[in-house]
């Protein structure tokens, strides 16, 4: 299954999940979006993870993911192919 397919599959499931399963699916969704160069969607997923964080450590991890995605998104136009 390709990254874009993973993203599409996960995006339909995330809202149906709860608790730890939802958090894991949100993280996987962000990775799949980033991997398929859907950075806007990856950033949206990362923002949702920040908003839904249940504690300071989880929020810190979610913010770190958001920062990483932001840096990737900023540097992508300058990446040589």
PDB file of N, CA and C in Angstrom:
ATOM      1  N   UNK A   1       0.854  -1.172   0.000  1.00  0.00           N
ATOM      2  CA  UNK A   1       0.000   0.000   0.000  1.00  0.00           C
ATOM      3  C   UNK A   1       0.897   1.231   0.000  1.00  0.00           C
ATOM      4  N   UNK A   2       0.645   2.154  -0.907  1.00  0.00           N
ATOM      5  CA  UNK A   2       1.435   3.370  -0.998  1.00  0.00           C
ATOM      6  C   UNK A   2       1.089   4.364   0.100  1.00  0.00           C
ATOM      7  N   UNK A   3       1.932   5.358   0.268  1.00  0.00           N
ATOM      8  CA  UNK A   3       1.716   6.352   1.324  1.00  0.00           C
ATOM      9  C   UNK A   3       0.426   7.133   1.130  1.00  0.00           C
ATOM     10  N   UNK A   4       0.119   7.476  -0.103  1.00  0.00           N
ATOM     11  CA  UNK A   4      -1.126   8.209  -0.362  1.00  0.00           C
ATOM     12  C   UNK A   4      -2.330   7.332  -0.006  1.00  0.00           C
ATOM     13  N   UNK A   5      -2.248   6.028  -0.325  1.00  0.00           N
ATOM     14  CA  UNK A   5      -3.330   5.105   0.035  1.00  0.00           C
ATOM     15  C   UNK A   5      -3.466   4.986   1.545  1.00  0.00           C
ATOM     16  N   UNK A   6      -2.330   4.919   2.240  1.00  0.00           N
ATOM     17  CA  UNK A   6      -2.356   4.860   3.706  1.00  0.00           C
ATOM     18  C   UNK A   6      -3.017   6.103   4.273  1.00  0.00           C
ATOM     19  N   UNK A   7      -2.657   7.240   3.704  1.00  0.00           N
ATOM     20  CA  UNK A   7      -3.247   8.490   4.181  1.00  0.00           C
ATOM     21  C   UNK A   7      -4.762   8.467   4.004  1.00  0.00           C
ATOM     22  N   UNK A   8      -5.221   8.087   2.838  1.00  0.00           N
ATOM     23  CA  UNK A   8      -6.658   8.083   2.560  1.00  0.00           C
ATOM     24  C   UNK A   8      -7.397   7.108   3.467  1.00  0.00           C
ATOM     25  N   UNK A   9      -6.812   5.936   3.699  1.00  0.00           N
ATOM     26  CA  UNK A   9      -7.438   4.952   4.576  1.00  0.00           C
ATOM     27  C   UNK A   9      -7.499   5.458   6.010  1.00  0.00           C
ATOM     28  N   UNK A  10      -6.388   5.965   6.511  1.00  0.00           N
ATOM     29  CA  UNK A  10      -6.350   6.448   7.888  1.00  0.00           C
ATOM     30  C   UNK A  10      -7.244   7.660   8.112  1.00  0.00           C
ATOM     31  N   UNK A  11      -7.323   8.539   7.124  1.00  0.00           N
ATOM     32  CA  UNK A  11      -8.113   9.758   7.299  1.00  0.00           C
ATOM     33  C   UNK A  11      -9.589   9.446   7.523  1.00  0.00           C
ATOM     34  N   UNK A  12     -10.075   8.345   6.966  1.00  0.00           N
ATOM     35  CA  UNK A  12     -11.474   7.975   7.180  1.00  0.00           C
ATOM     36  C   UNK A  12     -11.693   7.296   8.524  1.00  0.00           C
ATOM     37  N   UNK A  13     -10.627   6.769   9.125  1.00  0.00           N
ATOM     38  CA  UNK A  13     -10.757   6.037  10.381  1.00  0.00           C
ATOM     39  C   UNK A  13     -10.522   6.877  11.629  1.00  0.00           C
ATOM     40  N   UNK A  14      -9.697   7.894  11.539  1.00  0.00           N
ATOM     41  CA  UNK A  14      -9.264   8.642  12.719  1.00  0.00           C
ATOM     42  C   UNK A  14     -10.438   9.167  13.540  1.00  0.00           C
ATOM     43  N   UNK A  15     -11.427   9.739  12.908  1.00  0.00           N
ATOM     44  CA  UNK A  15     -12.542  10.328  13.642  1.00  0.00           C
ATOM     45  C   UNK A  15     -13.417   9.290  14.331  1.00  0.00           C
ATOM     46  N   UNK A  16     -13.327   8.045  13.915  1.00  0.00           N
ATOM     47  CA  UNK A  16     -14.122   6.975  14.521  1.00  0.00           C
ATOM     48  C   UNK A  16     -13.461   6.367  15.754  1.00  0.00           C
ATOM     49  N   UNK A  17     -12.190   6.642  15.947  1.00  0.00           N
ATOM     50  CA  UNK A  17     -11.438   6.037  17.047  1.00  0.00           C
ATOM     51  C   UNK A  17     -11.468   6.917  18.289  1.00  0.00           C
ATOM     52  N   UNK A  18     -11.077   6.316  19.406  1.00  0.00           N
ATOM     53  CA  UNK A  18     -11.017   7.053  20.663  1.00  0.00           C
ATOM     54  C   UNK A  18      -9.743   6.693  21.415  1.00  0.00           C
ATOM     55  N   UNK A  19      -9.397   7.540  22.354  1.00  0.00           N
ATOM     56  CA  UNK A  19      -8.292   7.266  23.263  1.00  0.00           C
ATOM     57  C   UNK A  19      -6.959   7.065  22.576  1.00  0.00           C
ATOM     58  N   UNK A  20      -6.219   6.074  23.071  1.00  0.00           N
ATOM     59  CA  UNK A  20      -4.872   5.796  22.571  1.00  0.00           C
ATOM     60  C   UNK A  20      -4.884   5.389  21.103  1.00  0.00           C
ATOM     61  N   UNK A  21      -5.914   4.648  20.688  1.00  0.00           N
ATOM     62  CA  UNK A  21      -6.009   4.253  19.279  1.00  0.00           C
ATOM     63  C   UNK A  21      -6.106   5.475  18.370  1.00  0.00           C
ATOM     64  N   UNK A  22      -6.873   6.468  18.788  1.00  0.00           N
ATOM     65  CA  UNK A  22      -7.026   7.685  17.999  1.00  0.00           C
ATOM     66  C   UNK A  22      -5.699   8.431  17.911  1.00  0.00           C
ATOM     67  N   UNK A  23      -4.987   8.511  19.025  1.00  0.00           N
ATOM     68  CA  UNK A  23      -3.696   9.212  19.039  1.00  0.00           C
ATOM     69  C   UNK A  23      -2.687   8.523  18.120  1.00  0.00           C
ATOM     70  N   UNK A  24      -2.651   7.201  18.176  1.00  0.00           N
ATOM     71  CA  UNK A  24      -1.744   6.458  17.302  1.00  0.00           C
ATOM     72  C   UNK A  24      -2.117   6.649  15.833  1.00  0.00           C
ATOM     73  N   UNK A  25      -3.405   6.627  15.548  1.00  0.00           N
ATOM     74  CA  UNK A  25      -3.856   6.822  14.169  1.00  0.00           C
ATOM     75  C   UNK A  25      -3.558   8.236  13.685  1.00  0.00           C
ATOM     76  N   UNK A  26      -3.698   9.234  14.562  1.00  0.00           N
ATOM     77  CA  UNK A  26      -3.374  10.612  14.181  1.00  0.00           C
ATOM     78  C   UNK A  26      -1.896  10.746  13.847  1.00  0.00           C
ATOM     79  N   UNK A  27      -1.041  10.109  14.643  1.00  0.00           N
ATOM     80  CA  UNK A  27       0.401  10.164  14.377  1.00  0.00           C
ATOM     81  C   UNK A  27       0.726   9.465  13.054  1.00  0.00           C
ATOM     82  N   UNK A  28       0.105   8.325  12.828  1.00  0.00           N
ATOM     83  CA  UNK A  28       0.330   7.604  11.567  1.00  0.00           C
ATOM     84  C   UNK A  28      -0.194   8.404  10.380  1.00  0.00           C
ATOM     85  N   UNK A  29      -1.314   9.078  10.574  1.00  0.00           N
ATOM     86  CA  UNK A  29      -1.878   9.918   9.518  1.00  0.00           C
ATOM     87  C   UNK A  29      -0.926  11.050   9.155  1.00  0.00           C
ATOM     88  N   UNK A  30      -0.347  11.682  10.165  1.00  0.00           N
ATOM     89  CA  UNK A  30       0.606  12.764   9.912  1.00  0.00           C
ATOM     90  C   UNK A  30       1.829  12.241   9.160  1.00  0.00           C
ATOM     91  N   UNK A  31       2.332  11.065   9.555  1.00  0.00           N
ATOM     92  CA  UNK A  31       3.492  10.482   8.855  1.00  0.00           C
ATOM     93  C   UNK A  31       3.146  10.129   7.412  1.00  0.00           C
ATOM     94  N   UNK A  32       1.962   9.551   7.210  1.00  0.00           N
ATOM     95  CA  UNK A  32       1.555   9.176   5.851  1.00  0.00           C
ATOM     96  C   UNK A  32       1.394  10.409   4.973  1.00  0.00           C
ATOM     97  N   UNK A  33       0.824  11.464   5.522  1.00  0.00           N
ATOM     98  CA  UNK A  33       0.646  12.696   4.750  1.00  0.00           C
ATOM     99  C   UNK A  33       1.993  13.310   4.395  1.00  0.00           C
ATOM    100  N   UNK A  34       2.898  13.339   5.361  1.00  0.00           N
ATOM    101  CA  UNK A  34       4.233  13.895   5.101  1.00  0.00           C
ATOM    102  C   UNK A  34       4.974  13.040   4.083  1.00  0.00           C
ATOM    103  N   UNK A  35       4.856  11.737   4.221  1.00  0.00           N
ATOM    104  CA  UNK A  35       5.547  10.831   3.310  1.00  0.00           C
ATOM    105  C   UNK A  35       5.050  10.927   1.883  1.00  0.00           C
ATOM    106  N   UNK A  36       3.802  11.285   1.710  1.00  0.00           N
ATOM    107  CA  UNK A  36       3.264  11.415   0.360  1.00  0.00           C
ATOM    108  C   UNK A  36       3.251  12.872  -0.096  1.00  0.00           C
ATOM    109  N   UNK A  37       3.963  13.705   0.638  1.00  0.00           N
ATOM    110  CA  UNK A  37       4.128  15.128   0.329  1.00  0.00           C
ATOM    111  C   UNK A  37       2.806  15.897   0.365  1.00  0.00           C
ATOM    112  N   UNK A  38       1.930  15.472   1.223  1.00  0.00           N
ATOM    113  CA  UNK A  38       0.684  16.198   1.461  1.00  0.00           C
ATOM    114  C   UNK A  38       0.875  17.004   2.745  1.00  0.00           C
ATOM    115  N   UNK A  39       1.784  17.966   2.678  1.00  0.00           N
ATOM    116  CA  UNK A  39       2.200  18.669   3.880  1.00  0.00           C
ATOM    117  C   UNK A  39       1.078  19.463   4.541  1.00  0.00           C
ATOM    118  N   UNK A  40       0.181  20.016   3.754  1.00  0.00           N
ATOM    119  CA  UNK A  40      -0.947  20.736   4.345  1.00  0.00           C
ATOM    120  C   UNK A  40      -1.782  19.815   5.215  1.00  0.00           C
ATOM    121  N   UNK A  41      -2.024  18.603   4.722  1.00  0.00           N
ATOM    122  CA  UNK A  41      -2.801  17.626   5.488  1.00  0.00           C
ATOM    123  C   UNK A  41      -2.009  17.137   6.698  1.00  0.00           C
ATOM    124  N   UNK A  42      -0.705  16.957   6.527  1.00  0.00           N
ATOM    125  CA  UNK A  42       0.135  16.535   7.650  1.00  0.00           C
ATOM    126  C   UNK A  42       0.126  17.582   8.753  1.00  0.00           C
ATOM    127  N   UNK A  43       0.189  18.843   8.371  1.00  0.00           N
ATOM    128  CA  UNK A  43       0.160  19.917   9.369  1.00  0.00           C
ATOM    129  C   UNK A  43      -1.190  19.978  10.081  1.00  0.00           C
ATOM    130  N   UNK A  44      -2.279  19.764   9.345  1.00  0.00           N
ATOM    131  CA  UNK A  44      -3.604  19.738   9.968  1.00  0.00           C
ATOM    132  C   UNK A  44      -3.699  18.609  10.992  1.00  0.00           C
ATOM    133  N   UNK A  45      -3.199  17.437  10.622  1.00  0.00           N
ATOM    134  CA  UNK A  45      -3.234  16.294  11.532  1.00  0.00           C
ATOM    135  C   UNK A  45      -2.380  16.564  12.775  1.00  0.00           C
ATOM    136  N   UNK A  46      -1.234  17.184  12.576  1.00  0.00           N
ATOM    137  CA  UNK A  46      -0.365  17.499  13.710  1.00  0.00           C
ATOM    138  C   UNK A  46      -1.019  18.527  14.630  1.00  0.00           C
ATOM    139  N   UNK A  47      -1.705  19.496  14.058  1.00  0.00           N
ATOM    140  CA  UNK A  47      -2.417  20.482  14.877  1.00  0.00           C
ATOM    141  C   UNK A  47      -3.530  19.831  15.692  1.00  0.00           C
ATOM    142  N   UNK A  48      -4.233  18.885  15.093  1.00  0.00           N
ATOM    143  CA  UNK A  48      -5.272  18.158  15.829  1.00  0.00           C
ATOM    144  C   UNK A  48      -4.667  17.392  16.999  1.00  0.00           C
ATOM    145  N   UNK A  49      -3.491  16.806  16.775  1.00  0.00           N
ATOM    146  CA  UNK A  49      -2.829  16.069  17.850  1.00  0.00           C
ATOM    147  C   UNK A  49      -2.448  17.002  18.992  1.00  0.00           C
ATOM    148  N   UNK A  50      -2.007  18.213  18.682  1.00  0.00           N
ATOM    149  CA  UNK A  50      -1.684  19.194  19.722  1.00  0.00           C
ATOM    150  C   UNK A  50      -2.955  19.550  20.495  1.00  0.00           C
ATOM    151  N   UNK A  51      -4.030  19.807  19.778  1.00  0.00           N
ATOM    152  CA  UNK A  51      -5.291  20.173  20.422  1.00  0.00           C
ATOM    153  C   UNK A  51      -5.864  19.065  21.292  1.00  0.00           C
ATOM    154  N   UNK A  52      -5.664  17.820  20.900  1.00  0.00           N
ATOM    155  CA  UNK A  52      -6.258  16.709  21.639  1.00  0.00           C
ATOM    156  C   UNK A  52      -5.316  16.094  22.674  1.00  0.00           C
ATOM    157  N   UNK A  53      -4.135  16.663  22.847  1.00  0.00           N
ATOM    158  CA  UNK A  53      -3.179  16.134  23.824  1.00  0.00           C
ATOM    159  C   UNK A  53      -3.795  16.175  25.225  1.00  0.00           C
ATOM    160  N   UNK A  54      -3.606  15.071  25.956  1.00  0.00           N
ATOM    161  CA  UNK A  54      -4.234  14.965  27.269  1.00  0.00           C
ATOM    162  C   UNK A  54      -3.346  15.398  28.423  1.00  0.00           C
ATOM    163  N   UNK A  55      -2.083  15.649  28.155  1.00  0.00           N
ATOM    164  CA  UNK A  55      -1.184  16.063  29.223  1.00  0.00           C
ATOM    165  C   UNK A  55       0.010  16.794  28.671  1.00  0.00           C
ATOM    166  N   UNK A  56       0.836  17.348  29.560  1.00  0.00           N
ATOM    167  CA  UNK A  56       1.982  18.148  29.109  1.00  0.00           C
ATOM    168  C   UNK A  56       2.994  17.363  28.273  1.00  0.00           C
ATOM    169  N   UNK A  57       3.246  16.110  28.632  1.00  0.00           N
ATOM    170  CA  UNK A  57       4.230  15.329  27.868  1.00  0.00           C
ATOM    171  C   UNK A  57       3.701  15.010  26.471  1.00  0.00           C
ATOM    172  N   UNK A  58       2.445  14.649  26.405  1.00  0.00           N
ATOM    173  CA  UNK A  58       1.831  14.357  25.101  1.00  0.00           C
ATOM    174  C   UNK A  58       1.788  15.616  24.239  1.00  0.00           C
ATOM    175  N   UNK A  59       1.488  16.738  24.851  1.00  0.00           N
ATOM    176  CA  UNK A  59       1.458  18.009  24.127  1.00  0.00           C
ATOM    177  C   UNK A  59       2.858  18.367  23.618  1.00  0.00           C
ATOM    178  N   UNK A  60       3.860  18.119  24.434  1.00  0.00           N
ATOM    179  CA  UNK A  60       5.241  18.399  24.046  1.00  0.00           C
ATOM    180  C   UNK A  60       5.631  17.562  22.825  1.00  0.00           C
ATOM    181  N   UNK A  61       5.256  16.281  22.832  1.00  0.00           N
ATOM    182  CA  UNK A  61       5.556  15.405  21.697  1.00  0.00           C
ATOM    183  C   UNK A  61       4.814  15.857  20.441  1.00  0.00           C
ATOM    184  N   UNK A  62       3.562  16.242  20.616  1.00  0.00           N
ATOM    185  CA  UNK A  62       2.771  16.698  19.474  1.00  0.00           C
ATOM    186  C   UNK A  62       3.340  17.982  18.889  1.00  0.00           C
ATOM    187  N   UNK A  63       3.790  18.880  19.754  1.00  0.00           N
ATOM    188  CA  UNK A  63       4.401  20.124  19.278  1.00  0.00           C
ATOM    189  C   UNK A  63       5.718  19.855  18.555  1.00  0.00           C
ATOM    190  N   UNK A  64       6.477  18.869  19.025  1.00  0.00           N
ATOM    191  CA  UNK A  64       7.727  18.509  18.353  1.00  0.00           C
ATOM    192  C   UNK A  64       7.449  17.968  16.948  1.00  0.00           C
ATOM    193  N   UNK A  65       6.403  17.159  16.822  1.00  0.00           N
ATOM    194  CA  UNK A  65       6.006  16.646  15.511  1.00  0.00           C
ATOM    195  C   UNK A  65       5.590  17.789  14.594  1.00  0.00           C
ATOM    196  N   UNK A  66       4.817  18.708  15.145  1.00  0.00           N
ATOM    197  CA  UNK A  66       4.377  19.870  14.367  1.00  0.00           C
ATOM    198  C   UNK A  66       5.576  20.690  13.901  1.00  0.00           C
ATOM    199  N   UNK A  67       6.541  20.878  14.773  1.00  0.00           N
ATOM    200  CA  UNK A  67       7.743  21.633  14.408  1.00  0.00           C
ATOM    201  C   UNK A  67       8.520  20.917  13.299  1.00  0.00           C
ATOM    202  N   UNK A  68       8.677  19.607  13.425  1.00  0.00           N
ATOM    203  CA  UNK A  68       9.387  18.839  12.396  1.00  0.00           C
ATOM    204  C   UNK A  68       8.695  18.969  11.037  1.00  0.00           C
ATOM    205  N   UNK A  69       7.376  18.836  11.041  1.00  0.00           N
ATOM    206  CA  UNK A  69       6.632  18.959   9.786  1.00  0.00           C
ATOM    207  C   UNK A  69       6.749  20.358   9.209  1.00  0.00           C
ATOM    208  N   UNK A  70       6.741  21.355  10.067  1.00  0.00           N
ATOM    209  CA  UNK A  70       6.877  22.734   9.598  1.00  0.00           C
ATOM    210  C   UNK A  70       8.218  22.946   8.924  1.00  0.00           C
ATOM    211  N   UNK A  71       9.267  22.388   9.505  1.00  0.00           N
ATOM    212  CA  UNK A  71      10.600  22.530   8.919  1.00  0.00           C
ATOM    213  C   UNK A  71      10.692  21.802   7.581  1.00  0.00           C
ATOM    214  N   UNK A  72      10.078  20.623   7.493  1.00  0.00           N
ATOM    215  CA  UNK A  72      10.071  19.888   6.228  1.00  0.00           C
ATOM    216  C   UNK A  72       9.331  20.694   5.173  1.00  0.00           C
ATOM    217  N   UNK A  73       8.185  21.222   5.547  1.00  0.00           N
ATOM    218  CA  UNK A  73       7.360  21.992   4.605  1.00  0.00           C
ATOM    219  C   UNK A  73       8.105  23.229   4.097  1.00  0.00           C
ATOM    220  N   UNK A  74       8.816  23.892   4.978  1.00  0.00           N
ATOM    221  CA  UNK A  74       9.563  25.088   4.594  1.00  0.00           C
ATOM    222  C   UNK A  74      10.720  24.733   3.664  1.00  0.00           C
ATOM    223  N   UNK A  75      11.417  23.635   3.947  1.00  0.00           N
ATOM    224  CA  UNK A  75      12.608  23.298   3.157  1.00  0.00           C
ATOM    225  C   UNK A  75      12.279  22.573   1.864  1.00  0.00           C
ATOM    226  N   UNK A  76      11.090  22.004   1.731  1.00  0.00           N
ATOM    227  CA  UNK A  76      10.741  21.218   0.559  1.00  0.00           C
ATOM    228  C   UNK A  76      10.944  21.945  -0.760  1.00  0.00           C
ATOM    229  N   UNK A  77      10.520  23.202  -0.912  1.00  0.00           N
ATOM    230  CA  UNK A  77      10.710  23.867  -2.212  1.00  0.00           C
ATOM    231  C   UNK A  77      12.182  24.037  -2.610  1.00  0.00           C
ATOM    232  N   UNK A  78      13.075  23.950  -1.636  1.00  0.00           N
ATOM    233  CA  UNK A  78      14.492  24.155  -1.950  1.00  0.00           C
ATOM    234  C   UNK A  78      15.249  22.836  -2.088  1.00  0.00           C
ATOM    235  N   UNK A  79      14.556  21.704  -1.913  1.00  0.00           N
ATOM    236  CA  UNK A  79      15.228  20.415  -1.998  1.00  0.00           C
ATOM    237  C   UNK A  79      15.570  20.117  -3.449  1.00  0.00           C
ATOM    238  N   UNK A  80      16.838  19.772  -3.745  1.00  0.00           N
ATOM    239  CA  UNK A  80      17.209  19.449  -5.127  1.00  0.00           C
ATOM    240  C   UNK A  80      16.684  18.064  -5.494  1.00  0.00           C
ATOM    241  N   UNK A  81      16.288  17.890  -6.735  1.00  0.00           N
ATOM    242  CA  UNK A  81      15.786  16.593  -7.210  1.00  0.00           C
ATOM    243  C   UNK A  81      16.702  16.014  -8.232  1.00  0.00           C
TER     244      UNK A  81
END
